[in-house]
Protein backbone atom coordinates (compact mmCIF):
# COMPACT_ATOMS: atom_id res chain seq x y z
CA MET A 1 -20.32 11.43 11.51
CA ASN A 2 -19.98 11.13 15.46
CA ARG A 3 -22.63 8.80 15.51
CA ILE A 4 -20.42 6.80 13.24
CA GLY A 5 -17.41 7.03 15.68
CA ALA A 6 -19.13 6.02 19.08
CA ALA A 7 -20.76 2.89 16.90
CA ALA A 8 -16.89 2.20 15.73
CA LYS A 9 -16.04 2.48 19.21
CA ALA A 10 -18.48 0.63 21.08
CA ALA A 11 -17.81 -2.13 18.07
CA ALA A 12 -14.02 -2.16 18.73
CA ARG A 13 -14.45 -3.43 22.44
CA VAL A 14 -16.28 -6.22 20.95
CA MET A 15 -14.22 -6.98 17.86
CA LYS A 16 -11.35 -7.89 20.68
CA THR A 17 -13.05 -10.95 21.59
CA VAL A 18 -14.29 -12.42 18.41
CA THR A 19 -13.13 -15.40 17.61
CA THR A 20 -10.93 -16.70 14.31
CA GLU A 21 -13.55 -18.83 13.34
CA GLN A 22 -15.92 -16.18 13.14
CA LYS A 23 -13.58 -13.83 11.34
CA ASN A 24 -12.57 -16.16 8.86
CA GLN A 25 -16.25 -17.53 7.84
CA ALA A 26 -17.21 -13.41 7.48
CA LEU A 27 -13.90 -13.42 5.09
CA LEU A 28 -15.26 -16.19 3.05
CA ALA A 29 -18.72 -15.60 3.03
CA ALA A 30 -18.03 -11.99 1.60
CA GLY A 31 -15.95 -13.29 -1.31
CA ALA A 32 -18.73 -15.37 -1.87
CA GLU A 33 -21.51 -12.94 -2.21
CA ILE A 34 -19.15 -10.19 -4.16
CA LYS A 35 -18.80 -12.78 -6.61
CA SER A 36 -22.73 -13.98 -6.79
CA ARG A 37 -22.98 -9.56 -6.91
CA GLU A 38 -20.59 -9.36 -9.88
CA ASP A 39 -22.69 -8.33 -12.56
CA ALA A 40 -24.17 -5.55 -10.32
CA ILE A 41 -20.72 -4.69 -9.13
CA LEU A 42 -19.27 -4.25 -12.97
CA THR A 43 -22.48 -2.67 -13.95
CA ALA A 44 -21.87 0.35 -11.08
CA ASN A 45 -18.29 0.48 -11.74
CA ALA A 46 -18.73 0.97 -15.53
CA ARG A 47 -21.06 3.81 -15.30
CA GLU A 48 -18.58 5.44 -12.97
CA VAL A 49 -15.53 5.04 -14.94
CA ASP A 50 -17.74 6.65 -18.44
CA ASP A 51 -18.43 9.85 -16.01
CA ALA A 52 -14.68 9.74 -14.91
CA ARG A 53 -13.61 9.95 -18.70
CA ALA A 54 -16.33 12.39 -19.67
CA ALA A 55 -14.97 14.50 -16.70
CA GLY A 56 -11.36 14.21 -18.37
CA LYS A 57 -9.67 11.75 -15.92
CA GLY A 58 -6.78 10.24 -17.38
CA GLU A 59 -6.07 6.96 -18.36
CA ALA A 60 -4.00 6.15 -15.67
CA PHE A 61 -6.36 7.02 -12.60
CA VAL A 62 -9.44 5.64 -14.67
CA ASP A 63 -7.42 2.56 -14.46
CA ARG A 64 -7.28 2.44 -10.82
CA MET A 65 -11.05 2.77 -10.66
CA VAL A 66 -11.70 0.13 -13.34
CA LEU A 67 -13.10 -3.25 -12.34
CA THR A 68 -12.98 -6.11 -14.49
CA PRO A 69 -14.22 -10.14 -13.78
CA ALA A 70 -10.37 -10.57 -13.34
CA ARG A 71 -9.97 -7.84 -11.12
CA ILE A 72 -13.36 -9.38 -9.17
CA ASP A 73 -11.50 -12.53 -8.62
CA GLY A 74 -8.61 -10.76 -7.53
CA ILE A 75 -10.67 -8.90 -4.55
CA CYS A 76 -12.60 -12.73 -3.82
CA ASN A 77 -8.83 -14.20 -3.80
CA ALA A 78 -7.30 -11.66 -1.22
CA LEU A 79 -10.54 -12.65 0.89
CA ARG A 80 -9.47 -16.12 1.04
CA ASP A 81 -5.73 -14.96 1.47
CA VAL A 82 -6.15 -13.21 4.26
CA ALA A 83 -8.76 -16.07 5.76
CA ALA A 84 -5.65 -18.25 5.45
CA LEU A 85 -3.63 -16.23 7.35
CA ASP A 86 -2.97 -16.48 11.37
CA ASP A 87 -4.68 -14.56 13.82
CA PRO A 88 -2.18 -12.11 15.29
CA VAL A 89 -4.71 -11.00 18.08
CA GLY A 90 -3.71 -12.88 21.33
CA LYS A 91 -0.05 -14.17 20.16
CA THR A 92 2.68 -13.92 22.08
CA VAL A 93 4.90 -11.23 20.77
CA LYS A 94 7.79 -12.23 23.59
CA GLU A 95 7.90 -13.69 27.07
CA TRP A 96 10.95 -13.43 29.85
CA ARG A 97 10.44 -13.92 33.65
CA ARG A 98 12.84 -11.40 35.85
CA PRO A 99 14.40 -12.82 39.10
CA ASN A 100 11.59 -11.64 41.52
CA GLY A 101 9.35 -14.51 39.61
CA LEU A 102 7.43 -11.90 37.59
CA GLN A 103 6.76 -13.39 34.08
CA PHE A 104 6.04 -10.86 31.67
CA ALA A 105 5.01 -11.64 28.34
CA ARG A 106 3.95 -8.76 25.08
CA VAL A 107 0.83 -9.54 23.37
CA ALA A 108 -0.45 -8.57 20.53
CA VAL A 109 -3.76 -6.73 20.67
CA PRO A 110 -6.32 -4.86 17.70
CA ILE A 111 -5.03 -1.05 17.22
CA GLY A 112 -8.31 -0.47 17.80
CA VAL A 113 -10.82 2.06 15.16
CA VAL A 114 -9.00 1.94 12.09
CA ALA A 115 -10.05 4.93 9.65
CA VAL A 116 -8.93 4.97 5.73
CA ILE A 117 -9.55 7.57 3.65
CA TYR A 118 -8.49 6.41 -0.08
CA GLU A 119 -9.13 7.50 -4.05
CA SER A 120 -10.19 5.67 -7.12
CA ARG A 121 -9.51 2.23 -6.26
CA PRO A 122 -12.41 -0.21 -5.19
CA ASN A 123 -10.53 -2.98 -3.86
CA VAL A 124 -9.53 -0.82 -1.12
CA THR A 125 -12.53 -1.12 0.09
CA ILE A 126 -12.58 -4.99 0.57
CA ASP A 127 -8.52 -5.09 0.82
CA ALA A 128 -8.78 -2.49 3.92
CA ALA A 129 -12.09 -3.65 5.80
CA ALA A 130 -11.17 -7.50 5.67
CA ILE A 131 -7.09 -6.41 7.19
CA ALA A 132 -8.58 -4.21 9.76
CA MET A 133 -11.28 -6.76 10.57
CA LYS A 134 -8.94 -9.62 10.77
CA ALA A 135 -6.80 -8.17 13.09
CA GLY A 136 -9.90 -7.60 15.20
CA ASN A 137 -10.34 -3.75 14.65
CA ALA A 138 -13.34 -1.69 13.76
CA VAL A 139 -13.03 0.09 10.39
CA ILE A 140 -14.28 2.84 8.77
CA LEU A 141 -14.00 3.53 5.50
CA ARG A 142 -14.43 6.56 2.99
CA GLY A 143 -13.72 6.31 -0.06
CA GLY A 144 -13.55 8.80 -3.45
CA SER A 145 -16.78 10.44 -4.90
CA GLU A 146 -15.39 8.81 -8.64
CA CYS A 147 -16.36 5.53 -6.70
CA ILE A 148 -18.69 5.82 -4.16
CA GLU A 149 -21.16 3.79 -6.16
CA THR A 150 -19.24 0.89 -6.51
CA ASN A 151 -17.55 0.88 -3.31
CA ALA A 152 -20.84 1.08 -1.47
CA GLU A 153 -21.95 -2.21 -3.53
CA LEU A 154 -18.58 -3.91 -2.29
CA PHE A 155 -19.14 -2.67 1.28
CA ASP A 156 -22.81 -3.83 1.59
CA CYS A 157 -21.50 -7.34 0.47
CA PHE A 158 -18.91 -7.42 2.91
CA GLN A 159 -21.02 -6.02 5.89
CA LYS A 160 -23.91 -8.52 5.17
CA ALA A 161 -21.06 -11.42 5.62
CA CYS A 162 -19.53 -10.07 8.65
CA ILE A 163 -23.42 -9.50 10.56
CA ALA A 164 -24.24 -13.02 9.15
CA ALA A 165 -20.85 -14.40 10.93
CA GLY A 166 -21.62 -12.45 14.26
CA LEU A 167 -19.86 -9.54 14.18
CA PRO A 168 -20.76 -5.96 15.73
CA GLU A 169 -22.40 -4.16 13.03
CA GLY A 170 -20.41 -1.03 13.85
CA GLY A 171 -17.26 -2.88 13.40
CA ALA A 172 -17.38 -2.00 9.77
CA GLN A 173 -18.95 0.94 8.21
CA PHE A 174 -19.04 2.71 5.02
CA VAL A 175 -19.22 6.66 4.50
CA ASN A 176 -21.53 6.69 1.70
CA THR A 177 -21.62 10.60 1.00
CA PRO A 178 -19.18 12.54 -1.06
CA ASP A 179 -19.14 15.86 1.42
CA ARG A 180 -15.57 16.65 2.20
CA ALA A 181 -16.53 17.06 5.45
CA ALA A 182 -16.81 13.90 6.35
CA VAL A 183 -12.89 13.34 5.95
CA GLY A 184 -12.31 16.57 8.16
CA ALA A 185 -14.62 14.92 10.99
CA ILE A 186 -12.75 11.46 10.59
CA LEU A 187 -9.10 13.63 11.01
CA SER A 188 -10.77 15.67 13.61
CA GLY A 189 -11.00 11.97 15.65
CA LEU A 190 -14.40 11.99 15.59
CA ASP A 191 -14.36 12.88 19.67
CA GLY A 192 -11.79 10.32 20.21
CA ALA A 193 -13.23 7.56 18.70
CA ILE A 194 -10.06 7.05 16.16
CA ASP A 195 -7.10 5.68 16.97
CA LEU A 196 -5.56 5.57 13.66
CA ALA A 197 -5.98 7.21 10.05
CA ILE A 198 -4.75 5.62 7.24
CA PRO A 199 -5.01 7.63 3.51
CA ARG A 200 -4.41 5.79 0.36
CA GLY A 201 -4.31 8.43 -2.96
CA GLY A 202 -2.73 10.58 -4.20
CA LYS A 203 -0.28 13.73 -2.85
CA SER A 204 -2.84 15.84 -2.33
CA LEU A 205 -5.11 13.76 -0.13
CA VAL A 206 -2.31 12.67 1.72
CA SER A 207 -0.59 15.80 2.45
CA ARG A 208 -4.28 17.19 3.94
CA VAL A 209 -4.16 13.87 5.83
CA GLN A 210 -0.56 14.62 7.68
CA SER A 211 -1.36 18.00 7.89
CA ASP A 212 -5.33 18.61 9.30
CA ALA A 213 -5.51 14.73 11.62
CA ARG A 214 -5.72 14.89 15.32
CA VAL A 215 -4.96 11.10 15.35
CA PRO A 216 -1.51 9.30 14.60
CA VAL A 217 -1.54 8.85 10.82
CA LEU A 218 -0.07 6.07 9.14
CA SER A 219 0.86 6.76 5.39
CA HIS A 220 3.40 7.29 2.82
CA LEU A 221 3.42 10.39 0.32
CA ASP A 222 5.27 9.71 -2.79
CA GLY A 223 5.66 6.51 -4.99
CA ILE A 224 9.46 7.95 -6.46
CA CYS A 225 10.89 4.65 -6.73
CA HIS A 226 14.21 3.63 -8.55
CA VAL A 227 15.67 0.92 -10.58
CA TYR A 228 19.42 1.21 -10.63
CA LEU A 229 21.57 -0.66 -13.68
CA ASP A 230 24.65 -1.48 -12.32
CA ARG A 231 28.16 -1.78 -14.10
CA ALA A 232 28.13 -5.87 -13.56
CA ALA A 233 23.98 -6.19 -14.16
CA ASP A 234 22.86 -9.22 -16.62
CA PRO A 235 21.65 -7.57 -19.91
CA GLU A 236 18.64 -9.43 -19.96
CA LYS A 237 17.90 -9.02 -16.09
CA ALA A 238 18.27 -4.87 -16.86
CA VAL A 239 15.82 -4.83 -19.84
CA ALA A 240 13.41 -7.68 -18.21
CA ILE A 241 13.16 -5.73 -14.98
CA THR A 242 13.48 -2.33 -16.45
CA VAL A 243 10.39 -2.45 -18.26
CA ASN A 244 8.42 -4.63 -15.85
CA SER A 245 9.25 -2.12 -13.01
CA LYS A 246 7.85 1.07 -15.09
CA MET A 247 5.34 -0.78 -16.90
CA ARG A 248 3.46 -3.21 -15.99
CA ARG A 249 1.24 -1.18 -14.29
CA THR A 250 2.09 2.63 -14.46
CA GLY A 251 -0.99 3.75 -12.19
CA VAL A 252 0.50 1.49 -9.19
CA CYS A 253 2.88 3.42 -6.01
CA GLY A 254 5.38 0.24 -6.78
CA ALA A 255 6.11 1.36 -10.47
CA ALA A 256 9.81 2.55 -11.23
CA GLU A 257 10.05 6.76 -11.93
CA THR A 258 13.57 6.65 -12.47
CA LEU A 259 16.15 4.43 -13.65
CA LEU A 260 19.63 5.02 -12.62
CA ILE A 261 22.56 3.46 -14.75
CA ASP A 262 25.93 3.24 -13.82
CA GLU A 263 27.85 5.39 -15.85
CA ALA A 264 30.39 2.45 -16.87
CA ALA A 265 27.91 0.92 -18.37
CA LEU A 266 26.04 3.20 -20.28
CA LYS A 267 26.73 2.71 -23.47
CA GLU A 268 26.59 -1.35 -23.39
CA LEU A 269 22.76 -1.37 -21.20
CA TRP A 270 21.20 1.77 -22.49
CA PRO A 271 20.55 0.85 -25.93
CA SER A 272 18.65 -2.45 -25.47
CA VAL A 273 16.98 -0.95 -22.31
CA ALA A 274 15.54 1.94 -24.46
CA ALA A 275 14.39 -0.41 -27.05
CA ALA A 276 12.49 -2.37 -24.78
CA LEU A 277 10.70 0.95 -23.10
CA ARG A 278 10.07 2.65 -26.43
CA GLU A 279 8.52 -0.49 -27.41
CA ALA A 280 6.22 -1.05 -24.30
CA GLY A 281 4.96 2.64 -25.36
CA CYS A 282 7.02 4.43 -22.31
CA GLU A 283 8.07 8.50 -22.84
CA ILE A 284 11.61 9.05 -21.91
CA ARG A 285 13.00 12.00 -20.36
CA ALA A 286 17.04 11.88 -19.68
CA ASP A 287 19.98 13.76 -18.59
CA GLU A 288 22.62 15.38 -20.23
CA ALA A 289 25.34 11.88 -20.28
CA VAL A 290 22.20 10.01 -21.57
CA HIS A 291 21.09 12.51 -24.27
CA ALA A 292 24.35 12.62 -25.31
CA ILE A 293 23.97 9.07 -26.73
CA ASP A 294 20.58 8.84 -27.41
CA PRO A 295 19.07 12.33 -28.82
CA ASP A 296 15.65 11.27 -29.27
CA ALA A 297 15.18 11.23 -26.04
CA ALA A 298 13.62 14.55 -23.97
CA PRO A 299 15.65 16.11 -21.58
CA ALA A 300 15.01 15.97 -18.24
CA THR A 301 14.89 18.58 -15.67
CA ALA A 302 15.62 18.72 -12.25
CA GLU A 303 11.86 18.37 -11.26
CA ASP A 304 11.44 15.40 -13.12
CA PHE A 305 13.20 13.25 -10.70
CA TYR A 306 11.29 14.83 -8.04
CA THR A 307 8.07 13.13 -9.92
CA GLU A 308 5.54 10.40 -9.72
CA TYR A 309 4.27 10.42 -12.93
CA LEU A 310 1.67 7.37 -12.29
CA ASP A 311 1.77 7.12 -15.95
CA ALA A 312 4.19 5.79 -18.94
CA VAL A 313 6.99 7.96 -18.43
CA ILE A 314 10.40 7.59 -16.95
CA SER A 315 13.21 9.56 -15.76
CA VAL A 316 16.87 8.51 -16.64
CA ALA A 317 20.40 9.45 -15.70
CA ALA A 318 23.92 8.25 -15.53
CA VAL A 319 25.07 7.56 -12.20
CA ASN A 320 29.06 6.87 -10.68
CA GLY A 321 28.14 3.28 -9.62
CA VAL A 322 26.62 2.13 -7.07
CA LYS A 323 27.45 5.12 -4.81
CA GLY A 324 25.98 7.58 -6.77
CA ALA A 325 22.63 5.63 -7.28
CA ILE A 326 22.63 5.71 -3.25
CA ASP A 327 23.32 9.39 -3.29
CA HIS A 328 20.54 10.40 -6.30
CA ILE A 329 18.09 8.21 -4.50
CA ALA A 330 19.22 9.90 -1.01
CA ARG A 331 18.20 13.30 -2.84
CA TYR A 332 15.48 12.61 -5.13
CA GLY A 333 13.67 9.26 -3.83
CA SER A 334 10.61 9.01 -1.35
CA GLY A 335 11.59 6.41 0.77
CA HIS A 336 9.52 4.02 -0.80
CA THR A 337 10.96 1.07 -3.15
CA ASP A 338 14.18 1.08 -4.66
CA ALA A 339 16.21 -2.00 -6.83
CA ILE A 340 19.37 -2.30 -7.73
CA VAL A 341 19.98 -5.04 -11.09
CA THR A 342 23.45 -6.42 -10.71
CA GLU A 343 25.33 -9.91 -10.63
CA ASN A 344 28.11 -7.81 -7.96
CA ALA A 345 27.59 -9.66 -4.53
CA ASP A 346 29.34 -6.66 -2.92
CA ALA A 347 27.26 -4.15 -4.72
CA ALA A 348 24.08 -5.62 -3.86
CA ASP A 349 24.78 -5.59 -0.34
CA GLN A 350 25.98 -2.16 -0.51
CA PHE A 351 22.76 -0.74 -2.20
CA LEU A 352 20.56 -2.90 0.45
CA LYS A 353 22.68 -1.67 3.76
CA SER A 354 22.89 2.19 2.33
CA VAL A 355 18.95 2.56 0.68
CA ASP A 356 16.90 3.60 3.15
CA SER A 357 14.13 2.87 1.50
CA ALA A 358 10.80 0.54 3.04
CA ILE A 359 11.00 -1.78 0.44
CA VAL A 360 15.17 -2.05 -1.93
CA LEU A 361 15.14 -5.57 -3.61
CA HIS A 362 18.09 -7.05 -5.41
CA ASN A 363 16.90 -8.33 -8.94
CA ALA A 364 13.77 -7.80 -8.95
CA SER A 365 10.84 -5.80 -10.10
CA THR A 366 9.39 -2.82 -8.17
CA GLN A 367 5.78 -3.88 -8.56
CA PHE A 368 6.84 -6.84 -5.88
CA ALA A 369 5.62 -3.58 -3.69
CA ASP A 370 2.73 -5.17 -2.86
CA GLY A 371 1.00 -6.89 0.21
CA GLY A 372 -0.01 -10.02 -1.66
CA GLU A 373 3.03 -10.80 -3.45
CA PHE A 374 4.71 -10.22 0.37
CA GLY A 375 2.17 -12.96 1.86
CA LEU A 376 0.52 -10.88 3.72
CA GLY A 377 -2.98 -11.89 1.96
CA ALA A 378 -3.94 -8.09 0.76
CA GLU A 379 -2.31 -4.86 2.19
CA ILE A 380 -3.78 -1.41 3.23
CA GLY A 381 -0.96 0.44 1.40
CA ILE A 382 2.78 1.48 1.65
CA ALA A 383 4.07 2.56 4.38
CA THR A 384 6.98 4.84 4.43
CA GLY A 385 7.39 6.44 7.44
CA ARG A 386 9.94 4.75 10.37
CA LEU A 387 7.82 4.19 13.21
CA HIS A 388 5.37 1.52 13.71
CA ALA A 389 5.09 -0.29 10.02
CA ARG A 390 7.31 0.45 6.89
CA GLY A 391 6.30 -1.53 3.79
CA PRO A 392 3.08 -2.83 3.07
CA VAL A 393 0.60 -2.57 5.97
CA GLY A 394 -1.15 -6.06 6.18
CA VAL A 395 -2.60 -7.59 9.02
CA GLU A 396 -0.09 -7.97 11.95
CA GLU A 397 0.71 -3.88 10.92
CA LEU A 398 -2.70 -3.30 12.56
CA THR A 399 -2.30 -4.81 15.72
CA SER A 400 -0.19 -3.42 18.79
CA TYR A 401 0.42 -4.84 21.88
CA LYS A 402 -0.10 -4.87 25.63
CA ASN A 403 1.98 -5.88 28.44
CA VAL A 404 0.70 -8.60 30.51
CA VAL A 405 2.29 -10.08 33.84
CA ARG A 406 1.48 -13.03 35.95
CA GLY A 407 2.92 -12.87 39.57
CA GLU A 408 2.35 -14.90 42.87
CA GLY A 409 1.84 -12.44 45.28
CA GLN A 410 4.75 -9.99 44.64
CA ILE A 411 4.78 -6.82 46.14
CA ARG A 412 7.58 -3.56 45.77
CA PRO A 413 9.70 -3.14 48.14
C-alpha cells in the first residue's frame, strides 16, 4: 500500500502538466475499450451477482452490483460526457489588482492524490477514475470485495487507455485485494501521500472512514430524502413525483425515504398517492394522522423517520404546512436531498431557503440527485457536509486553487 501511495504521489506531480487533449483521449479510449470487452465484464459481474445472492444479500444491494448492456452503455456515455466537459485545471477563478500594482489571480489546480473507497457499485470505478483524472488528480480506487473481479476488469480498460494516452502509470491505481487492512492503510494517509479520501457506500463504511481517517474526508452518511406535498400541490404532480422519487430506483441515495403531507390537504392527496405507491409495490409506514384515514398502512415508529431504507418502503407523516415540513426535515433529515411539490411560489421559496440540504428541489423528483443529471458528466458521490463541496462531486469539486501574484519589482515597506 505504501508503494501504491508513493507511485500516486509521484504521478500527481506529472498529472498537473497533462494536457486536456491527453485526458480526453484517455477517457474516450477507455469507453471504447470497455465496450469492446463488454462480454468479459458482464460474465465476471454475473458470477459475482450469483455469489451475492447465494450469500443472502438483499435485492436492493444486488441491484447496485448488477451490470447490464444498458448500464455498460451508461458507463461509456459518462466517459464521453466527462471528456466533453471544460478542463477546470488552470482556469482563473477570480482576479484583481491592488493599488500598488500587484495583479492577483486564483487559479484552479488539482487536489493531488484522491483515494476513493466504495462498495457494490461497479460504475463508481470508472466514474471516480474519470472525474479525478479530468481534474488532474492521481486516484487510488478501493472497491468492495463483492465486486472485485468486475471492478478489476473495468479498471484494466481504464488504465490501458490512460497509459496509451501518455498518462503516468501511477496516475490511476486499483487496490486489488479484499483485505480490509487496505482501507486502514489508505485512511492512515499512506505516509503522507493521500490528500483527500472519499467514501461511497453504506453507513458503516462512511462512519469508519470519518472516524479513522487521518486525511481530509469528503462524504455523506445517509440519504434520508424527503418529498413534501404542500396544500397547494398539483394532485397529478404529487402522485408522479412521489412515486418516481421512491420507486424509480430504491437503492440509490437520492431515493425518497419519507413522504410529508400538509395536514390541510391530507384527505385530498393521500388516497391517490397511496394507491399509486401500493400499485408500484411500496410498503407504507404511516404516522397516527395518516394511519387514521388509512388503516391498511403499517404504523410508523420514530426510528422509521431516521431510516434510510434503500428498499421499497416509505415512511409517511402529516405536518402543519410548509413550516411543519421544514421542522420535520431539520429533525430527521440527513442534509442530502429534499423536495417540495406545490403551485404556491411563496411556499416553495420558503422551503428552498429554509431546508439546509445539499440539494433542494421544487416540483421535481429527488432522483435528480445525480451528477449526470446536473450536467457534470458523472459524480463520485453526493457530499452533504458544508465545507469545500456540497451535492454532486464532479470535476470542479476535485480541484482547489492557488494564488498567483504578478508584480513589477514591488517590495513591501
